[in-house]
Amino acid sequence: MDHKISSFAELRTLFGKPSELAKRKVITYIDEHCQNYIAQSPFLILSTSDANGYSDASPRGDAQGFVLVLDQNRIVIPDRPGNKRMDSLKNILSNPRVGLLFLIPGMAETLRVNGKASLTLDPVLLEKMIAGGKKPLLGIEVEIEECFIQCGKALKRSGLWNPETWTDKSSLPSGAEILAAHSKLPGTTAVDIKDRLEDGYKNRLY
């Protein structure tokens, strides 16, 4: 028996119709409420896909207000030094459609922003996004198409901001061990990668 859903009609039957509030909450510009949210958000997730539909989700974070709001229709995300894979940037060059999810620690509701992205080297914009004494390598400019608040049920269910639900640090997965197991670099141990990661966090954040 096939248990997979294959049509939107099946989905609608399963979930029912959205409320008037859910249908009417989407706006097509950055209003004062969205701007206030973005100004207080230190973290977002950037979702992209290439021309063939292969997708990627990338974390972006900095001090509150790190995303520059140019006007009601445009924002710019600074691109800081990373692993040089450039997955999101390559995707944007072939498919400009992006989805953003902004988070504020301690707040259950998230802000979703969808639009079309481009990569900019505008020196005036980069100058406005200096952090750690350095300009970003480039900016990801997003032309806004949709903005809306996402209810906080997922974050409340997860207990994301509740320290009482957090796993004890001693039992957390080791990023260095995972990288060592996946990369299988000859002559490189998890300890070597741990040292490399810690050096990058300390000396190459910007």
N, C-alpha and C. Protein backbone atom coordinates (compact mmCIF):
# COMPACT_ATOMS: atom_id res chain seq x y z
N MET A 1 0.84 -1.21 0.00
CA MET A 1 0.00 0.00 0.00
C MET A 1 0.87 1.25 0.00
N ASP A 2 0.55 2.20 -0.88
CA ASP A 2 1.33 3.43 -0.98
C ASP A 2 0.76 4.47 -0.02
N HIS A 3 1.59 4.88 0.93
CA HIS A 3 1.13 5.85 1.94
C HIS A 3 1.61 7.27 1.64
N LYS A 4 2.17 7.51 0.46
CA LYS A 4 2.68 8.83 0.11
C LYS A 4 1.56 9.73 -0.42
N ILE A 5 1.61 10.99 -0.04
CA ILE A 5 0.66 11.97 -0.56
C ILE A 5 1.19 12.47 -1.91
N SER A 6 0.30 12.53 -2.89
CA SER A 6 0.74 12.89 -4.24
C SER A 6 0.03 14.11 -4.82
N SER A 7 -0.88 14.72 -4.08
CA SER A 7 -1.58 15.88 -4.62
C SER A 7 -1.89 16.88 -3.53
N PHE A 8 -2.03 18.14 -3.95
CA PHE A 8 -2.38 19.19 -2.99
C PHE A 8 -3.79 18.98 -2.45
N ALA A 9 -4.66 18.41 -3.26
CA ALA A 9 -6.03 18.14 -2.80
C ALA A 9 -6.02 17.20 -1.59
N GLU A 10 -5.14 16.21 -1.60
CA GLU A 10 -5.02 15.31 -0.45
C GLU A 10 -4.55 16.07 0.78
N LEU A 11 -3.59 16.97 0.56
CA LEU A 11 -3.10 17.78 1.67
C LEU A 11 -4.20 18.64 2.26
N ARG A 12 -4.98 19.28 1.40
CA ARG A 12 -6.06 20.15 1.86
C ARG A 12 -7.10 19.36 2.65
N THR A 13 -7.40 18.15 2.20
CA THR A 13 -8.34 17.30 2.93
C THR A 13 -7.78 16.94 4.31
N LEU A 14 -6.50 16.68 4.36
CA LEU A 14 -5.86 16.29 5.62
C LEU A 14 -5.79 17.43 6.61
N PHE A 15 -5.39 18.63 6.15
CA PHE A 15 -5.14 19.75 7.05
C PHE A 15 -6.32 20.71 7.20
N GLY A 16 -7.21 20.74 6.22
CA GLY A 16 -8.29 21.71 6.27
C GLY A 16 -7.84 23.05 5.71
N LYS A 17 -8.68 24.07 5.89
CA LYS A 17 -8.39 25.39 5.33
C LYS A 17 -7.72 26.30 6.37
N PRO A 18 -6.82 27.20 5.90
CA PRO A 18 -6.18 28.13 6.84
C PRO A 18 -7.19 29.17 7.34
N SER A 19 -6.91 29.71 8.52
CA SER A 19 -7.78 30.76 9.06
C SER A 19 -7.61 32.04 8.26
N GLU A 20 -8.53 32.96 8.46
CA GLU A 20 -8.42 34.26 7.80
C GLU A 20 -7.14 34.98 8.24
N LEU A 21 -6.78 34.82 9.51
CA LEU A 21 -5.54 35.44 10.01
C LEU A 21 -4.33 34.90 9.25
N ALA A 22 -4.27 33.58 9.07
CA ALA A 22 -3.14 32.97 8.36
C ALA A 22 -3.10 33.42 6.90
N LYS A 23 -4.26 33.57 6.28
CA LYS A 23 -4.31 33.97 4.87
C LYS A 23 -3.94 35.44 4.68
N ARG A 24 -4.24 36.27 5.69
CA ARG A 24 -4.06 37.71 5.53
C ARG A 24 -2.75 38.24 6.12
N LYS A 25 -1.93 37.38 6.72
CA LYS A 25 -0.76 37.87 7.46
C LYS A 25 0.42 38.24 6.56
N VAL A 26 0.39 37.83 5.31
CA VAL A 26 1.54 38.05 4.42
C VAL A 26 1.51 39.47 3.86
N ILE A 27 2.65 40.18 3.99
CA ILE A 27 2.80 41.48 3.35
C ILE A 27 3.96 41.41 2.37
N THR A 28 4.09 42.40 1.52
CA THR A 28 5.07 42.35 0.43
C THR A 28 6.18 43.38 0.60
N TYR A 29 6.38 43.86 1.82
CA TYR A 29 7.39 44.89 2.06
C TYR A 29 7.81 44.83 3.53
N ILE A 30 8.92 45.51 3.83
CA ILE A 30 9.41 45.59 5.20
C ILE A 30 8.72 46.77 5.89
N ASP A 31 7.76 46.48 6.77
CA ASP A 31 7.12 47.57 7.51
C ASP A 31 7.90 47.82 8.80
N GLU A 32 7.39 48.71 9.65
CA GLU A 32 8.13 49.07 10.86
C GLU A 32 8.26 47.89 11.81
N HIS A 33 7.29 46.97 11.80
CA HIS A 33 7.35 45.81 12.69
C HIS A 33 8.42 44.82 12.23
N CYS A 34 8.47 44.56 10.93
CA CYS A 34 9.51 43.68 10.39
C CYS A 34 10.89 44.30 10.59
N GLN A 35 10.99 45.60 10.38
CA GLN A 35 12.28 46.28 10.55
C GLN A 35 12.75 46.16 12.00
N ASN A 36 11.83 46.32 12.94
CA ASN A 36 12.17 46.19 14.35
C ASN A 36 12.63 44.78 14.68
N TYR A 37 11.95 43.78 14.10
CA TYR A 37 12.35 42.40 14.31
C TYR A 37 13.76 42.16 13.77
N ILE A 38 14.00 42.56 12.54
CA ILE A 38 15.31 42.36 11.91
C ILE A 38 16.41 43.06 12.69
N ALA A 39 16.11 44.25 13.21
CA ALA A 39 17.10 45.03 13.96
C ALA A 39 17.52 44.33 15.26
N GLN A 40 16.65 43.45 15.78
CA GLN A 40 16.95 42.78 17.04
C GLN A 40 17.32 41.31 16.86
N SER A 41 17.41 40.88 15.61
CA SER A 41 17.74 39.48 15.34
C SER A 41 19.24 39.32 15.11
N PRO A 42 19.90 38.41 15.86
CA PRO A 42 21.32 38.15 15.63
C PRO A 42 21.58 36.92 14.76
N PHE A 43 20.50 36.30 14.25
CA PHE A 43 20.68 35.02 13.57
C PHE A 43 19.57 34.78 12.56
N LEU A 44 19.95 34.23 11.40
CA LEU A 44 18.97 33.84 10.40
C LEU A 44 19.45 32.59 9.69
N ILE A 45 18.52 31.93 9.04
CA ILE A 45 18.83 30.79 8.17
C ILE A 45 18.48 31.19 6.75
N LEU A 46 19.44 31.03 5.86
CA LEU A 46 19.29 31.39 4.45
C LEU A 46 19.08 30.11 3.64
N SER A 47 17.93 30.03 2.96
CA SER A 47 17.62 28.86 2.14
C SER A 47 17.74 29.23 0.67
N THR A 48 18.48 28.41 -0.07
CA THR A 48 18.69 28.64 -1.51
C THR A 48 18.58 27.32 -2.25
N SER A 49 18.44 27.41 -3.57
CA SER A 49 18.52 26.22 -4.41
C SER A 49 19.10 26.62 -5.76
N ASP A 50 19.72 25.67 -6.45
CA ASP A 50 20.32 26.00 -7.73
C ASP A 50 19.29 25.83 -8.86
N ALA A 51 19.73 26.00 -10.09
CA ALA A 51 18.82 25.95 -11.23
C ALA A 51 18.16 24.59 -11.39
N ASN A 52 18.77 23.55 -10.83
CA ASN A 52 18.20 22.20 -10.93
C ASN A 52 17.38 21.80 -9.72
N GLY A 53 17.25 22.73 -8.76
CA GLY A 53 16.43 22.46 -7.58
C GLY A 53 17.16 21.87 -6.40
N TYR A 54 18.48 21.66 -6.50
CA TYR A 54 19.24 21.15 -5.36
C TYR A 54 19.35 22.26 -4.31
N SER A 55 18.98 21.93 -3.08
CA SER A 55 18.76 22.96 -2.07
C SER A 55 19.85 22.99 -1.00
N ASP A 56 19.90 24.12 -0.30
CA ASP A 56 20.87 24.31 0.77
C ASP A 56 20.28 25.27 1.79
N ALA A 57 20.59 25.05 3.06
CA ALA A 57 20.21 25.97 4.13
C ALA A 57 21.46 26.33 4.90
N SER A 58 21.71 27.62 5.07
CA SER A 58 22.96 28.08 5.65
C SER A 58 22.70 29.05 6.81
N PRO A 59 23.36 28.85 7.96
CA PRO A 59 23.20 29.79 9.07
C PRO A 59 24.01 31.06 8.85
N ARG A 60 23.43 32.20 9.25
CA ARG A 60 24.12 33.48 9.19
C ARG A 60 23.89 34.20 10.52
N GLY A 61 24.94 34.65 11.16
CA GLY A 61 24.76 35.30 12.44
C GLY A 61 25.82 36.34 12.74
N ASP A 62 25.43 37.30 13.56
CA ASP A 62 26.34 38.38 13.98
C ASP A 62 25.62 39.13 15.09
N ALA A 63 26.13 40.29 15.45
CA ALA A 63 25.48 41.08 16.49
C ALA A 63 24.10 41.53 16.01
N GLN A 64 23.22 41.84 16.95
CA GLN A 64 21.89 42.34 16.59
C GLN A 64 22.00 43.47 15.57
N GLY A 65 21.13 43.44 14.57
CA GLY A 65 21.15 44.50 13.56
C GLY A 65 22.17 44.29 12.47
N PHE A 66 22.73 43.07 12.35
CA PHE A 66 23.77 42.85 11.35
C PHE A 66 23.23 42.88 9.93
N VAL A 67 21.92 42.65 9.76
CA VAL A 67 21.30 42.74 8.44
C VAL A 67 20.87 44.18 8.20
N LEU A 68 21.30 44.73 7.10
CA LEU A 68 21.06 46.13 6.77
C LEU A 68 19.73 46.26 6.02
N VAL A 69 18.82 47.08 6.56
CA VAL A 69 17.55 47.37 5.88
C VAL A 69 17.74 48.65 5.08
N LEU A 70 17.71 48.53 3.75
CA LEU A 70 17.94 49.69 2.88
C LEU A 70 16.66 50.53 2.75
N ASP A 71 15.55 49.84 2.56
CA ASP A 71 14.25 50.51 2.45
C ASP A 71 13.18 49.45 2.62
N GLN A 72 11.95 49.75 2.28
CA GLN A 72 10.86 48.79 2.48
C GLN A 72 10.95 47.58 1.57
N ASN A 73 11.78 47.64 0.57
CA ASN A 73 11.83 46.56 -0.41
C ASN A 73 13.17 45.83 -0.50
N ARG A 74 14.17 46.28 0.26
CA ARG A 74 15.50 45.68 0.11
C ARG A 74 16.21 45.57 1.45
N ILE A 75 16.87 44.42 1.64
CA ILE A 75 17.76 44.23 2.77
C ILE A 75 19.07 43.67 2.24
N VAL A 76 20.13 43.79 3.05
CA VAL A 76 21.44 43.26 2.66
C VAL A 76 22.01 42.46 3.83
N ILE A 77 22.43 41.24 3.53
CA ILE A 77 23.04 40.36 4.52
C ILE A 77 24.55 40.35 4.28
N PRO A 78 25.37 40.68 5.29
CA PRO A 78 26.82 40.62 5.09
C PRO A 78 27.30 39.18 4.96
N ASP A 79 28.25 38.94 4.08
CA ASP A 79 28.82 37.60 3.93
C ASP A 79 30.23 37.63 4.50
N ARG A 80 30.42 37.00 5.65
CA ARG A 80 31.71 36.97 6.35
C ARG A 80 32.54 35.77 5.88
N PRO A 81 33.83 35.74 6.23
CA PRO A 81 34.67 34.60 5.86
C PRO A 81 34.12 33.29 6.40
N GLY A 82 34.14 32.25 5.58
CA GLY A 82 33.63 30.95 5.98
C GLY A 82 34.54 29.85 5.46
N ASN A 83 33.92 28.75 5.02
CA ASN A 83 34.72 27.60 4.58
C ASN A 83 35.07 27.65 3.09
N LYS A 84 34.65 28.70 2.42
CA LYS A 84 34.95 28.93 1.00
C LYS A 84 34.27 27.94 0.05
N ARG A 85 33.29 27.19 0.56
CA ARG A 85 32.51 26.34 -0.35
C ARG A 85 31.54 27.18 -1.19
N MET A 86 31.03 28.24 -0.58
CA MET A 86 30.16 29.20 -1.28
C MET A 86 28.88 28.56 -1.82
N ASP A 87 28.34 27.59 -1.09
CA ASP A 87 27.15 26.88 -1.57
C ASP A 87 25.99 27.84 -1.84
N SER A 88 25.68 28.70 -0.87
CA SER A 88 24.56 29.64 -1.03
C SER A 88 24.83 30.62 -2.16
N LEU A 89 26.06 31.11 -2.23
CA LEU A 89 26.40 32.12 -3.24
C LEU A 89 26.32 31.54 -4.65
N LYS A 90 26.81 30.32 -4.83
CA LYS A 90 26.71 29.66 -6.14
C LYS A 90 25.25 29.48 -6.54
N ASN A 91 24.44 29.08 -5.57
CA ASN A 91 23.03 28.88 -5.86
C ASN A 91 22.36 30.18 -6.30
N ILE A 92 22.66 31.26 -5.61
CA ILE A 92 22.04 32.55 -5.94
C ILE A 92 22.38 32.98 -7.36
N LEU A 93 23.60 32.68 -7.81
CA LEU A 93 23.99 33.05 -9.16
C LEU A 93 23.17 32.31 -10.22
N SER A 94 22.70 31.12 -9.90
CA SER A 94 21.93 30.36 -10.89
C SER A 94 20.42 30.41 -10.64
N ASN A 95 20.04 30.74 -9.41
CA ASN A 95 18.61 30.83 -9.05
C ASN A 95 18.48 31.85 -7.92
N PRO A 96 17.99 33.04 -8.19
CA PRO A 96 17.98 34.11 -7.19
C PRO A 96 16.94 33.95 -6.09
N ARG A 97 16.02 33.00 -6.20
CA ARG A 97 14.98 32.85 -5.19
C ARG A 97 15.56 32.35 -3.86
N VAL A 98 15.25 33.08 -2.78
CA VAL A 98 15.76 32.72 -1.47
C VAL A 98 14.64 32.79 -0.43
N GLY A 99 14.82 32.05 0.65
CA GLY A 99 13.94 32.13 1.80
C GLY A 99 14.78 32.40 3.04
N LEU A 100 14.33 33.32 3.88
CA LEU A 100 15.06 33.66 5.10
C LEU A 100 14.17 33.39 6.31
N LEU A 101 14.77 32.88 7.37
CA LEU A 101 14.08 32.70 8.63
C LEU A 101 14.89 33.41 9.72
N PHE A 102 14.35 34.52 10.22
CA PHE A 102 15.00 35.29 11.28
C PHE A 102 14.54 34.79 12.65
N LEU A 103 15.48 34.71 13.59
CA LEU A 103 15.16 34.31 14.95
C LEU A 103 15.69 35.34 15.94
N ILE A 104 14.98 35.50 17.06
CA ILE A 104 15.44 36.32 18.19
C ILE A 104 15.46 35.41 19.41
N PRO A 105 16.60 35.24 20.06
CA PRO A 105 16.66 34.37 21.23
C PRO A 105 15.61 34.74 22.27
N GLY A 106 14.91 33.72 22.76
CA GLY A 106 13.89 33.93 23.77
C GLY A 106 12.51 34.22 23.22
N MET A 107 12.41 34.48 21.92
CA MET A 107 11.12 34.79 21.29
C MET A 107 10.64 33.60 20.48
N ALA A 108 9.40 33.19 20.68
CA ALA A 108 8.89 32.01 20.01
C ALA A 108 8.58 32.26 18.54
N GLU A 109 8.04 33.44 18.23
CA GLU A 109 7.67 33.74 16.84
C GLU A 109 8.90 34.07 16.01
N THR A 110 8.95 33.54 14.80
CA THR A 110 10.04 33.83 13.87
C THR A 110 9.51 34.69 12.73
N LEU A 111 10.44 35.32 11.99
CA LEU A 111 10.06 36.15 10.85
C LEU A 111 10.54 35.48 9.57
N ARG A 112 9.60 35.23 8.66
CA ARG A 112 9.94 34.62 7.38
C ARG A 112 9.93 35.70 6.29
N VAL A 113 10.99 35.70 5.50
CA VAL A 113 11.13 36.67 4.40
C VAL A 113 11.52 35.90 3.14
N ASN A 114 10.79 36.11 2.06
CA ASN A 114 11.10 35.47 0.78
C ASN A 114 11.33 36.54 -0.28
N GLY A 115 12.23 36.25 -1.21
CA GLY A 115 12.48 37.23 -2.25
C GLY A 115 13.52 36.77 -3.25
N LYS A 116 14.05 37.73 -3.99
CA LYS A 116 15.07 37.48 -5.01
C LYS A 116 16.38 38.11 -4.57
N ALA A 117 17.45 37.33 -4.61
CA ALA A 117 18.74 37.79 -4.11
C ALA A 117 19.72 38.07 -5.24
N SER A 118 20.66 38.94 -4.94
CA SER A 118 21.80 39.22 -5.83
C SER A 118 23.01 39.48 -4.95
N LEU A 119 24.19 39.39 -5.54
CA LEU A 119 25.43 39.58 -4.79
C LEU A 119 26.01 40.95 -5.14
N THR A 120 26.37 41.71 -4.11
CA THR A 120 26.85 43.07 -4.35
C THR A 120 28.20 43.32 -3.71
N LEU A 121 29.02 44.11 -4.40
CA LEU A 121 30.31 44.58 -3.88
C LEU A 121 30.29 46.09 -3.65
N ASP A 122 29.09 46.66 -3.57
CA ASP A 122 28.94 48.11 -3.38
C ASP A 122 29.73 48.55 -2.15
N PRO A 123 30.78 49.36 -2.32
CA PRO A 123 31.64 49.73 -1.18
C PRO A 123 30.90 50.53 -0.12
N VAL A 124 29.90 51.29 -0.51
CA VAL A 124 29.13 52.07 0.46
C VAL A 124 28.36 51.14 1.39
N LEU A 125 27.74 50.11 0.82
CA LEU A 125 26.99 49.15 1.63
C LEU A 125 27.92 48.33 2.52
N LEU A 126 29.03 47.88 1.96
CA LEU A 126 29.96 47.06 2.74
C LEU A 126 30.53 47.85 3.91
N GLU A 127 30.75 49.13 3.70
CA GLU A 127 31.28 49.99 4.76
C GLU A 127 30.31 50.07 5.93
N LYS A 128 29.02 50.01 5.64
CA LYS A 128 28.00 50.11 6.69
C LYS A 128 27.88 48.83 7.50
N MET A 129 28.50 47.74 7.03
CA MET A 129 28.35 46.46 7.71
C MET A 129 29.67 45.96 8.29
N ILE A 130 30.56 46.90 8.61
CA ILE A 130 31.83 46.54 9.23
C ILE A 130 31.58 45.90 10.60
N ALA A 131 32.27 44.81 10.87
CA ALA A 131 32.21 44.16 12.19
C ALA A 131 33.58 43.58 12.48
N GLY A 132 33.99 43.63 13.71
CA GLY A 132 35.32 43.16 14.05
C GLY A 132 36.41 43.93 13.34
N GLY A 133 36.10 45.17 12.95
CA GLY A 133 37.06 46.01 12.26
C GLY A 133 37.24 45.68 10.79
N LYS A 134 36.39 44.79 10.24
CA LYS A 134 36.55 44.38 8.85
C LYS A 134 35.23 44.45 8.10
N LYS A 135 35.31 44.80 6.82
CA LYS A 135 34.13 44.80 5.96
C LYS A 135 33.82 43.36 5.54
N PRO A 136 32.55 43.06 5.28
CA PRO A 136 32.22 41.73 4.74
C PRO A 136 32.83 41.57 3.35
N LEU A 137 33.01 40.34 2.93
CA LEU A 137 33.58 40.08 1.61
C LEU A 137 32.64 40.56 0.50
N LEU A 138 31.36 40.39 0.74
CA LEU A 138 30.33 40.90 -0.18
C LEU A 138 29.02 40.98 0.57
N GLY A 139 27.99 41.47 -0.08
CA GLY A 139 26.68 41.54 0.52
C GLY A 139 25.68 40.74 -0.31
N ILE A 140 24.73 40.10 0.37
CA ILE A 140 23.64 39.41 -0.30
C ILE A 140 22.42 40.33 -0.21
N GLU A 141 22.10 40.96 -1.33
CA GLU A 141 20.97 41.89 -1.35
C GLU A 141 19.70 41.12 -1.72
N VAL A 142 18.66 41.30 -0.93
CA VAL A 142 17.40 40.58 -1.15
C VAL A 142 16.29 41.58 -1.46
N GLU A 143 15.67 41.40 -2.61
CA GLU A 143 14.49 42.19 -2.99
C GLU A 143 13.27 41.47 -2.43
N ILE A 144 12.55 42.14 -1.53
CA ILE A 144 11.49 41.51 -0.76
C ILE A 144 10.27 41.22 -1.62
N GLU A 145 9.74 40.00 -1.48
CA GLU A 145 8.48 39.63 -2.11
C GLU A 145 7.41 39.26 -1.08
N GLU A 146 7.84 38.65 0.03
CA GLU A 146 6.91 38.27 1.09
C GLU A 146 7.56 38.41 2.45
N CYS A 147 6.77 38.87 3.43
CA CYS A 147 7.20 38.90 4.83
C CYS A 147 6.02 38.45 5.69
N PHE A 148 6.28 37.61 6.66
CA PHE A 148 5.22 37.27 7.60
C PHE A 148 5.78 36.60 8.85
N ILE A 149 5.06 36.76 9.93
CA ILE A 149 5.42 36.15 11.20
C ILE A 149 4.95 34.70 11.21
N GLN A 150 5.84 33.82 11.66
CA GLN A 150 5.51 32.41 11.84
C GLN A 150 5.20 32.18 13.30
N CYS A 151 4.09 31.53 13.60
CA CYS A 151 3.72 31.29 15.00
C CYS A 151 4.79 30.45 15.70
N GLY A 152 4.79 30.50 17.02
CA GLY A 152 5.87 29.91 17.80
C GLY A 152 5.68 28.47 18.23
N LYS A 153 4.75 27.74 17.63
CA LYS A 153 4.50 26.37 18.09
C LYS A 153 5.73 25.47 17.97
N ALA A 154 6.47 25.59 16.87
CA ALA A 154 7.64 24.72 16.67
C ALA A 154 8.69 24.97 17.73
N LEU A 155 8.96 26.26 18.03
CA LEU A 155 9.97 26.58 19.03
C LEU A 155 9.51 26.21 20.42
N LYS A 156 8.20 26.35 20.69
CA LYS A 156 7.69 25.96 21.99
C LYS A 156 7.75 24.43 22.16
N ARG A 157 7.39 23.71 21.11
CA ARG A 157 7.45 22.24 21.19
C ARG A 157 8.89 21.77 21.40
N SER A 158 9.82 22.44 20.74
CA SER A 158 11.23 22.02 20.82
C SER A 158 11.89 22.42 22.14
N GLY A 159 11.32 23.43 22.83
CA GLY A 159 11.97 23.94 24.03
C GLY A 159 13.29 24.62 23.73
N LEU A 160 13.41 25.15 22.52
CA LEU A 160 14.69 25.69 22.06
C LEU A 160 15.30 26.72 23.01
N TRP A 161 14.46 27.60 23.54
CA TRP A 161 14.99 28.67 24.40
C TRP A 161 14.89 28.32 25.90
N ASN A 162 14.48 27.12 26.22
CA ASN A 162 14.31 26.72 27.61
C ASN A 162 15.52 25.91 28.08
N PRO A 163 16.39 26.50 28.90
CA PRO A 163 17.60 25.79 29.33
C PRO A 163 17.32 24.45 30.02
N GLU A 164 16.13 24.31 30.61
CA GLU A 164 15.82 23.07 31.30
C GLU A 164 15.71 21.88 30.35
N THR A 165 15.50 22.16 29.06
CA THR A 165 15.38 21.08 28.08
C THR A 165 16.70 20.79 27.36
N TRP A 166 17.70 21.61 27.60
CA TRP A 166 18.96 21.46 26.87
C TRP A 166 19.72 20.22 27.33
N THR A 167 20.39 19.58 26.37
CA THR A 167 21.21 18.42 26.67
C THR A 167 22.46 18.84 27.43
N ASP A 168 22.88 18.00 28.37
CA ASP A 168 24.12 18.28 29.10
C ASP A 168 25.29 18.37 28.12
N LYS A 169 26.12 19.39 28.30
CA LYS A 169 27.21 19.63 27.33
C LYS A 169 28.14 18.43 27.18
N SER A 170 28.29 17.65 28.23
CA SER A 170 29.21 16.51 28.16
C SER A 170 28.74 15.43 27.19
N SER A 171 27.45 15.44 26.85
CA SER A 171 26.93 14.41 25.95
C SER A 171 26.61 14.94 24.56
N LEU A 172 26.96 16.21 24.30
CA LEU A 172 26.69 16.79 22.98
C LEU A 172 27.56 16.13 21.91
N PRO A 173 27.08 16.07 20.66
CA PRO A 173 27.92 15.56 19.57
C PRO A 173 29.16 16.43 19.41
N SER A 174 30.23 15.84 18.97
CA SER A 174 31.47 16.58 18.73
C SER A 174 31.56 16.95 17.25
N GLY A 175 31.56 18.25 16.97
CA GLY A 175 31.70 18.69 15.58
C GLY A 175 33.00 18.23 14.98
N ALA A 176 34.07 18.24 15.77
CA ALA A 176 35.38 17.83 15.28
C ALA A 176 35.38 16.34 14.92
N GLU A 177 34.77 15.52 15.75
CA GLU A 177 34.73 14.08 15.48
C GLU A 177 33.90 13.78 14.23
N ILE A 178 32.80 14.51 14.07
CA ILE A 178 31.97 14.31 12.89
C ILE A 178 32.72 14.71 11.63
N LEU A 179 33.40 15.86 11.68
CA LEU A 179 34.18 16.31 10.52
C LEU A 179 35.29 15.32 10.18
N ALA A 180 35.96 14.80 11.21
CA ALA A 180 37.04 13.85 10.97
C ALA A 180 36.50 12.58 10.32
N ALA A 181 35.37 12.09 10.81
CA ALA A 181 34.79 10.87 10.26
C ALA A 181 34.31 11.05 8.83
N HIS A 182 33.76 12.23 8.53
CA HIS A 182 33.22 12.46 7.19
C HIS A 182 34.30 12.80 6.17
N SER A 183 35.30 13.59 6.59
CA SER A 183 36.32 14.04 5.64
C SER A 183 37.40 13.00 5.37
N LYS A 184 37.71 12.20 6.40
CA LYS A 184 38.74 11.16 6.27
C LYS A 184 40.04 11.72 5.68
N LEU A 185 40.47 12.88 6.17
CA LEU A 185 41.73 13.46 5.71
C LEU A 185 42.90 12.62 6.22
N PRO A 186 43.77 12.17 5.33
CA PRO A 186 44.92 11.36 5.77
C PRO A 186 45.77 12.10 6.79
N GLY A 187 46.12 11.42 7.87
CA GLY A 187 47.00 11.99 8.87
C GLY A 187 46.36 13.06 9.74
N THR A 188 45.02 13.21 9.66
CA THR A 188 44.33 14.24 10.44
C THR A 188 43.37 13.58 11.42
N THR A 189 43.52 13.94 12.70
CA THR A 189 42.67 13.36 13.74
C THR A 189 41.59 14.35 14.16
N ALA A 190 40.65 13.86 14.95
CA ALA A 190 39.60 14.74 15.49
C ALA A 190 40.21 15.83 16.36
N VAL A 191 41.30 15.51 17.05
CA VAL A 191 41.98 16.53 17.87
C VAL A 191 42.56 17.63 16.99
N ASP A 192 43.15 17.25 15.86
CA ASP A 192 43.69 18.23 14.92
C ASP A 192 42.59 19.17 14.42
N ILE A 193 41.45 18.59 14.07
CA ILE A 193 40.34 19.39 13.56
C ILE A 193 39.75 20.27 14.65
N LYS A 194 39.69 19.75 15.88
CA LYS A 194 39.21 20.56 17.01
C LYS A 194 40.09 21.79 17.20
N ASP A 195 41.40 21.60 17.14
CA ASP A 195 42.33 22.72 17.27
C ASP A 195 42.14 23.72 16.12
N ARG A 196 41.92 23.19 14.93
CA ARG A 196 41.73 24.04 13.75
C ARG A 196 40.44 24.86 13.87
N LEU A 197 39.38 24.22 14.34
CA LEU A 197 38.12 24.92 14.53
C LEU A 197 38.25 26.02 15.58
N GLU A 198 38.86 25.69 16.70
CA GLU A 198 39.00 26.66 17.78
C GLU A 198 39.85 27.84 17.37
N ASP A 199 40.87 27.59 16.56
CA ASP A 199 41.70 28.68 16.05
C ASP A 199 40.89 29.59 15.13
N GLY A 200 40.07 28.98 14.29
CA GLY A 200 39.23 29.77 13.40
C GLY A 200 38.22 30.62 14.16
N TYR A 201 37.60 30.03 15.19
CA TYR A 201 36.63 30.77 16.00
C TYR A 201 37.30 31.94 16.72
N LYS A 202 38.55 31.74 17.14
CA LYS A 202 39.25 32.75 17.90
C LYS A 202 39.86 33.84 17.02
N ASN A 203 40.41 33.45 15.86
CA ASN A 203 41.20 34.39 15.09
C ASN A 203 40.64 34.78 13.71
N ARG A 204 39.61 34.06 13.24
CA ARG A 204 39.15 34.33 11.88
C ARG A 204 37.63 34.44 11.76
N LEU A 205 36.99 35.00 12.79
CA LEU A 205 35.55 35.21 12.70
C LEU A 205 35.22 36.26 11.64
N TYR A 206 36.09 37.24 11.49
CA TYR A 206 35.86 38.31 10.52
C TYR A 206 37.03 38.44 9.55
